[in-house]
Protein backbone atom coordinates (compact mmCIF):
# COMPACT_ATOMS: atom_id res chain seq x y z
CA MET A 1 24.08 -48.47 -1.38
CA ILE A 2 25.40 -45.16 -2.62
CA ALA A 3 23.75 -46.67 -5.85
CA LYS A 4 20.56 -47.33 -4.42
CA ARG A 5 20.17 -43.65 -3.22
CA PHE A 6 21.16 -42.82 -6.78
CA ALA A 7 18.30 -44.71 -8.22
CA LEU A 8 15.85 -43.21 -5.03
CA LEU A 9 16.70 -39.01 -6.02
CA ARG A 10 16.74 -40.05 -9.98
CA ALA A 11 13.40 -41.21 -8.83
CA ALA A 12 12.20 -38.19 -7.28
CA LEU A 13 13.14 -35.97 -9.96
CA VAL A 14 11.42 -38.34 -12.44
CA ALA A 15 8.36 -37.68 -10.26
CA MET A 16 8.68 -33.42 -9.74
CA SER A 17 9.13 -33.20 -13.59
CA ILE A 18 6.41 -35.39 -14.41
CA GLY A 19 3.95 -33.21 -12.08
CA LEU A 20 5.59 -29.70 -13.48
CA ALA A 21 5.15 -30.89 -17.05
CA ILE A 22 1.21 -31.41 -16.45
CA LEU A 23 1.21 -27.64 -15.54
CA ALA A 24 -0.10 -25.28 -18.26
CA PRO A 25 3.06 -22.88 -19.48
CA ALA A 26 1.37 -19.91 -17.12
CA GLN A 27 0.87 -22.03 -14.39
CA LEU A 28 4.22 -23.21 -14.55
CA ALA A 29 5.60 -19.89 -14.39
CA ARG A 30 3.46 -18.29 -11.82
CA ALA A 31 4.96 -21.33 -9.53
CA GLN A 32 8.21 -20.97 -10.38
CA GLU A 33 7.44 -16.98 -9.40
CA ALA A 34 5.37 -17.82 -5.81
CA PRO A 35 8.60 -17.59 -3.69
CA PHE A 36 8.31 -14.03 -3.64
CA GLY A 37 5.15 -13.87 -1.70
CA LEU A 38 2.60 -11.88 -1.99
CA VAL A 39 1.51 -11.68 -5.69
CA ASP A 40 -0.83 -13.75 -6.44
CA TRP A 41 -4.40 -12.21 -5.96
CA LYS A 42 -8.53 -12.45 -7.40
CA PRO A 43 -11.28 -10.62 -6.45
CA ILE A 44 -13.66 -11.43 -4.66
CA ALA A 45 -18.11 -11.62 -5.69
CA GLY A 46 -18.78 -8.48 -5.28
CA ASN A 47 -16.64 -5.83 -5.38
CA PRO A 48 -16.95 -2.53 -5.10
CA VAL A 49 -17.01 -3.44 -1.58
CA PHE A 50 -16.84 0.43 -0.97
CA ALA A 51 -17.15 3.50 -2.73
CA GLY A 52 -18.79 6.94 -2.67
CA THR A 53 -22.31 7.61 -2.25
CA GLY A 54 -22.88 9.12 -5.89
CA SER A 55 -25.31 11.56 -3.88
CA ASN A 56 -25.38 15.11 -2.82
CA THR A 57 -23.34 14.29 0.29
CA TRP A 58 -19.32 14.97 1.12
CA ASP A 59 -18.83 11.60 -0.08
CA ARG A 60 -20.40 11.54 -3.26
CA ASN A 61 -16.60 10.83 -4.82
CA ILE A 62 -13.55 8.90 -2.59
CA ARG A 63 -10.13 9.54 -3.80
CA GLU A 64 -7.27 8.07 -4.02
CA ARG A 65 -5.28 5.46 -1.03
CA GLY A 66 -7.47 5.01 1.82
CA TYR A 67 -6.34 2.71 4.70
CA ILE A 68 -8.43 -0.59 6.56
CA LEU A 69 -6.40 -1.65 9.79
CA MET A 70 -8.33 -4.21 11.93
CA GLY A 71 -8.89 -3.63 15.52
CA ASP A 72 -8.21 -5.79 18.63
CA ASP A 73 -12.07 -6.55 18.30
CA GLY A 74 -11.88 -7.91 15.19
CA ILE A 75 -13.20 -4.93 13.81
CA PHE A 76 -12.57 -3.41 10.26
CA HIS A 77 -11.74 -0.03 10.00
CA LEU A 78 -11.33 1.99 7.33
CA TRP A 79 -9.86 5.64 6.61
CA TYR A 80 -11.58 7.30 3.60
CA THR A 81 -11.38 11.21 2.03
CA GLY A 82 -14.34 12.18 0.71
CA TYR A 83 -15.62 15.21 -1.97
CA ASP A 84 -18.28 16.62 -3.63
CA ARG A 85 -17.19 17.93 -6.93
CA ASP A 86 -14.65 18.22 -9.20
CA ARG A 87 -12.69 21.17 -7.56
CA PRO A 88 -12.83 20.91 -4.12
CA ALA A 89 -11.88 23.79 -1.67
CA THR A 90 -10.86 20.84 0.73
CA MET A 91 -10.79 17.49 1.07
CA SER A 92 -12.90 16.00 4.46
CA LEU A 93 -11.68 12.13 6.35
CA GLY A 94 -14.15 10.13 6.80
CA HIS A 95 -14.45 6.28 8.28
CA ALA A 96 -16.45 3.18 8.11
CA THR A 97 -16.46 -0.04 10.19
CA SER A 98 -16.87 -3.47 9.08
CA ARG A 99 -17.41 -6.80 10.61
CA ASP A 100 -16.66 -8.89 7.61
CA GLY A 101 -14.40 -6.51 5.61
CA THR A 102 -16.87 -6.11 2.55
CA HIS A 103 -20.24 -4.75 4.35
CA TRP A 104 -19.16 -1.37 5.44
CA THR A 105 -20.80 1.28 7.40
CA ARG A 106 -20.17 4.72 7.31
CA ASP A 107 -19.41 6.51 10.76
CA PRO A 108 -22.83 8.59 12.01
CA HIS A 109 -20.04 11.70 12.79
CA ASN A 110 -18.68 11.80 9.21
CA PRO A 111 -16.72 13.98 8.22
CA ILE A 112 -14.36 13.22 11.43
CA PHE A 113 -12.38 15.35 10.47
CA THR A 114 -12.43 18.75 8.67
CA GLY A 115 -10.09 21.19 10.21
CA SER A 116 -6.96 20.25 7.13
CA TRP A 117 -6.65 19.10 3.73
CA VAL A 118 -6.50 14.92 4.24
CA GLU A 119 -5.77 12.52 1.23
CA ASP A 120 -3.66 9.71 0.51
CA MET A 121 -3.37 8.49 3.76
CA CYS A 122 -1.54 5.56 5.74
CA VAL A 123 -1.82 4.34 9.40
CA VAL A 124 0.08 3.33 11.47
CA LYS A 125 -1.12 2.42 15.20
CA GLN A 126 2.02 2.20 17.96
CA ASP A 127 1.92 2.04 22.04
CA GLY A 128 -2.06 2.52 22.05
CA THR A 129 -2.05 5.92 19.47
CA TYR A 130 -3.04 6.06 15.65
CA GLN A 131 -0.40 8.05 13.62
CA MET A 132 -1.76 9.24 10.31
CA PHE A 133 0.47 10.09 7.58
CA ALA A 134 -1.44 12.19 4.34
CA GLU A 135 -1.26 14.33 1.76
CA GLY A 136 -2.44 18.09 2.70
CA LYS A 137 -3.08 20.53 0.09
CA ASN A 138 -0.67 20.32 -3.08
CA ASP A 139 0.72 17.18 -1.91
CA ILE A 140 2.45 18.22 1.12
CA ALA A 141 2.68 15.33 3.49
CA HIS A 142 1.68 15.95 7.26
CA ARG A 143 1.25 14.12 10.78
CA LEU A 144 -2.46 13.52 12.45
CA SER A 145 -2.66 11.69 15.78
CA SER A 146 -5.27 9.86 17.40
CA ARG A 147 -6.31 7.78 20.87
CA ASP A 148 -9.49 6.34 19.35
CA GLY A 149 -8.76 6.66 15.31
CA VAL A 150 -12.39 9.10 15.43
CA HIS A 151 -11.13 12.56 17.09
CA TRP A 152 -7.99 13.46 15.39
CA THR A 153 -5.30 16.45 15.57
CA ASP A 154 -3.52 17.87 13.02
CA HIS A 155 0.91 18.15 13.83
CA GLY A 156 1.33 19.90 10.89
CA SER A 157 3.39 19.48 7.84
CA LEU A 158 6.63 17.19 7.78
CA GLU A 159 9.69 18.53 8.13
CA ILE A 160 12.28 16.91 5.75
CA ARG A 161 15.84 17.60 5.49
CA LYS A 162 18.75 15.71 2.99
CA THR A 163 21.23 13.89 4.07
CA ASP A 164 23.70 17.23 4.96
CA GLY A 165 20.86 18.37 7.05
CA THR A 166 19.55 21.15 4.91
CA GLN A 167 15.28 20.69 4.04
CA ILE A 168 14.73 19.44 0.90
CA GLY A 169 13.97 21.52 -1.78
CA PRO A 170 10.44 23.34 -2.82
CA GLY A 171 7.52 21.31 -4.43
CA PRO A 172 5.54 18.43 -3.40
CA TYR A 173 6.19 15.66 -1.43
CA GLY A 174 3.36 13.37 -1.24
CA THR A 175 1.99 9.52 -0.44
CA PRO A 176 3.83 9.16 2.73
CA THR A 177 4.23 5.30 4.09
CA ALA A 178 5.22 5.50 7.44
CA TRP A 179 6.98 1.75 9.48
CA PHE A 180 8.39 1.69 12.99
CA GLU A 181 10.40 -1.05 13.89
CA ASN A 182 13.06 -0.52 17.04
CA GLY A 183 12.59 2.77 17.91
CA THR A 184 12.47 4.70 14.18
CA TRP A 185 10.16 5.77 12.14
CA TYR A 186 10.52 5.13 8.05
CA LEU A 187 8.86 7.16 5.81
CA PHE A 188 8.36 6.88 2.05
CA TYR A 189 7.13 9.81 0.11
CA GLU A 190 7.45 10.33 -3.83
CA ARG A 191 7.70 13.93 -5.31
CA GLY A 192 5.19 14.38 -8.24
CA ASP A 193 5.55 9.83 -8.43
CA GLN A 194 8.66 10.18 -10.52
CA GLY A 195 10.55 7.88 -7.56
CA VAL A 196 10.41 7.35 -3.80
CA TRP A 197 12.79 8.43 -1.58
CA LEU A 198 13.05 6.98 2.17
CA ALA A 199 13.73 9.23 4.86
CA THR A 200 13.95 8.50 9.10
CA SER A 201 13.06 9.73 12.39
CA ARG A 202 12.95 8.81 16.33
CA ASP A 203 11.13 11.81 17.19
CA LEU A 204 8.30 12.25 14.81
CA LYS A 205 9.04 15.22 14.32
CA THR A 206 12.41 15.71 11.90
CA TRP A 207 13.38 13.40 9.26
CA THR A 208 16.08 13.31 7.67
CA ASN A 209 17.04 11.16 4.37
CA VAL A 210 18.50 7.99 3.84
CA LYS A 211 19.85 8.93 0.62
CA ASP A 212 18.79 11.33 -1.93
CA ASP A 213 18.47 9.41 -4.57
CA PRO A 214 14.82 7.34 -4.83
CA VAL A 215 15.06 4.54 -3.22
CA LEU A 216 12.15 2.71 -5.88
CA ALA A 217 12.62 4.45 -8.89
CA ARG A 218 10.31 4.49 -12.18
CA GLY A 219 11.30 1.37 -14.38
CA PRO A 220 13.32 0.21 -16.28
CA ASP A 221 10.00 -1.65 -17.71
CA GLY A 222 6.92 -0.20 -18.99
CA TYR A 223 4.76 -0.86 -16.39
CA ASP A 224 6.00 1.69 -14.08
CA ALA A 225 8.03 4.15 -16.42
CA ALA A 226 6.00 7.49 -15.59
CA ALA A 227 5.23 6.74 -12.28
CA VAL A 228 5.74 4.78 -9.27
CA ALA A 229 4.36 5.88 -5.47
CA LEU A 230 4.59 3.46 -2.34
CA ASP A 231 1.67 2.33 -0.34
CA GLN A 232 2.26 -0.01 2.10
CA VAL A 233 4.62 -2.03 4.00
CA VAL A 234 4.67 -5.24 5.34
CA LYS A 235 7.67 -7.80 6.82
CA ARG A 236 6.93 -11.30 5.77
CA GLY A 237 10.08 -13.36 7.23
CA ALA A 238 13.43 -11.86 6.09
CA TYR A 239 11.50 -9.52 3.29
CA TYR A 240 9.99 -6.09 3.91
CA TYR A 241 7.25 -6.13 0.91
CA ALA A 242 6.27 -2.50 -0.48
CA PHE A 243 3.01 -2.51 -2.86
CA TYR A 244 2.58 0.32 -4.33
CA HIS A 245 0.71 1.63 -7.80
CA ALA A 246 2.53 2.63 -10.76
CA ASN A 247 1.94 4.38 -14.22
CA ALA A 248 3.08 3.32 -17.55
CA GLN A 249 2.07 6.72 -19.64
CA ARG A 250 1.33 10.24 -19.80
CA PRO A 251 -0.93 11.18 -19.39
CA ARG A 252 -1.43 9.19 -16.30
CA LYS A 253 -4.50 6.49 -16.64
CA ASP A 254 -5.11 3.06 -16.23
CA TRP A 255 -3.07 2.50 -12.50
CA THR A 256 -1.63 -0.74 -11.33
CA THR A 257 -0.49 -2.29 -8.07
CA ASN A 258 2.72 -4.02 -7.76
CA VAL A 259 4.89 -5.37 -5.78
CA ALA A 260 8.92 -5.40 -4.41
CA ARG A 261 10.76 -6.52 -1.31
CA SER A 262 13.51 -5.85 0.91
CA ARG A 263 15.75 -7.12 2.83
CA ASP A 264 16.74 -3.47 4.89
CA LEU A 265 14.28 -1.65 3.58
CA VAL A 266 16.28 0.71 1.46
CA HIS A 267 17.26 -1.53 -1.55
CA TRP A 268 14.61 -2.89 -3.23
CA GLU A 269 13.72 -5.94 -5.91
CA LYS A 270 10.91 -5.61 -8.17
CA TYR A 271 8.31 -8.53 -8.88
CA PRO A 272 9.17 -9.65 -12.42
CA GLY A 273 5.62 -10.97 -12.69
CA ASN A 274 4.82 -7.08 -11.72
CA PRO A 275 1.79 -5.45 -12.43
CA ILE A 276 -0.08 -7.85 -9.65
CA ILE A 277 -3.08 -5.84 -10.80
CA GLN A 278 -4.78 -4.16 -13.63
CA ASN A 279 -7.66 -2.87 -14.61
CA ASN A 280 -6.64 0.28 -12.92
CA CYS A 281 -6.75 -1.01 -9.68
CA SER A 282 -4.38 1.07 -7.05
CA SER A 283 -3.52 2.07 -3.73
CA PRO A 284 -3.19 -1.20 -2.51
CA VAL A 285 -3.41 -2.34 1.42
CA LEU A 286 -2.74 -5.62 2.91
CA VAL A 287 -4.71 -6.58 6.08
CA THR A 288 -4.10 -9.79 7.16
CA THR A 289 -7.28 -11.13 9.31
CA PRO A 290 -8.48 -14.28 11.01
CA GLN A 291 -8.95 -16.63 7.91
CA GLY A 292 -6.39 -14.97 6.22
CA ASP A 293 -4.70 -12.06 4.07
CA ARG A 294 -6.58 -9.79 2.12
CA LEU A 295 -5.72 -7.17 -0.28
CA TYR A 296 -7.38 -4.19 -1.21
CA THR A 297 -7.04 -1.67 -3.52
CA MET A 298 -8.51 2.01 -2.81
CA HIS A 299 -9.04 3.98 -6.05
CA PRO A 300 -10.82 4.94 -7.45
CA ASP A 301 -13.06 2.63 -5.28
CA VAL A 302 -12.46 0.07 -2.60
CA LYS A 303 -11.65 -3.95 -4.11
CA ALA A 304 -11.17 -6.72 -2.41
CA PHE A 305 -9.06 -9.44 -3.33
CA GLU A 306 -8.35 -12.99 -1.71
CA PRO A 307 -5.51 -15.08 -2.39
CA GLY A 308 -5.46 -17.20 -5.56
CA SER A 309 -4.77 -20.55 -6.21
CA VAL A 310 -0.87 -20.58 -6.14
CA GLY A 311 -1.30 -18.31 -2.65
CA ARG A 312 -3.14 -20.29 -1.33
């Protein structure tokens, strides 16, 4: 009986090795890496799916991270930053909707918010209220809230403190990315794209660093040696996944999209196959639809990606 079991096991291993052998080397490498999750994407036809108007409007151009959420009614909602000249006096907030995530209709009331500089936003809906975390002027993060996603109230700049209770040093703190779990808000932010820090809050008013060093640092590989900023956190199974954009050089150009994962939101493991999307497609946002996952990159225009062969 034991000999028969070993024979069956040997046959199964041989069959598996034959199956893997017929894959091309690149396919084999991707198949071996696939358990990392959320890393295999291909662009859909018709990209970009949304962009600046290119004409004499308040949103002639769009900039940096917009954000997409799917409503309970199955409608996609896109918030984005628009501006009309190379050195704008302010960055305004726009809104667009879509039934399929590819064909978008601009809100007739755009820009929906002009009370303060709004750029590079993250939107979380919690307890029936939309919470927006965005860069203000000079890359200072602030929070806005809305009941309907269209009418927004600005609550001012975020107060972030070090672990000892003193305020963080002067200078920018931008690309704010929020995650809410078990009564605690988690805020990821960057300082000049030199690393990503993590602070927490129970009241959305005072934020305290989990540690005073970055939880996601640049390098050691070249693709994110010059700059790194986190755009979104999602959770799948035992892992949190961070979608982030990065740059390999100064002056910065050709931004890329990348993935890291963590079990505790503090210690992150970068995907060894990064970057997952190149060609200056950055500021990624994952949207889960009834048809499955879709990944959008937001800068310098909005492009949509669907799972590739391994991702499927």
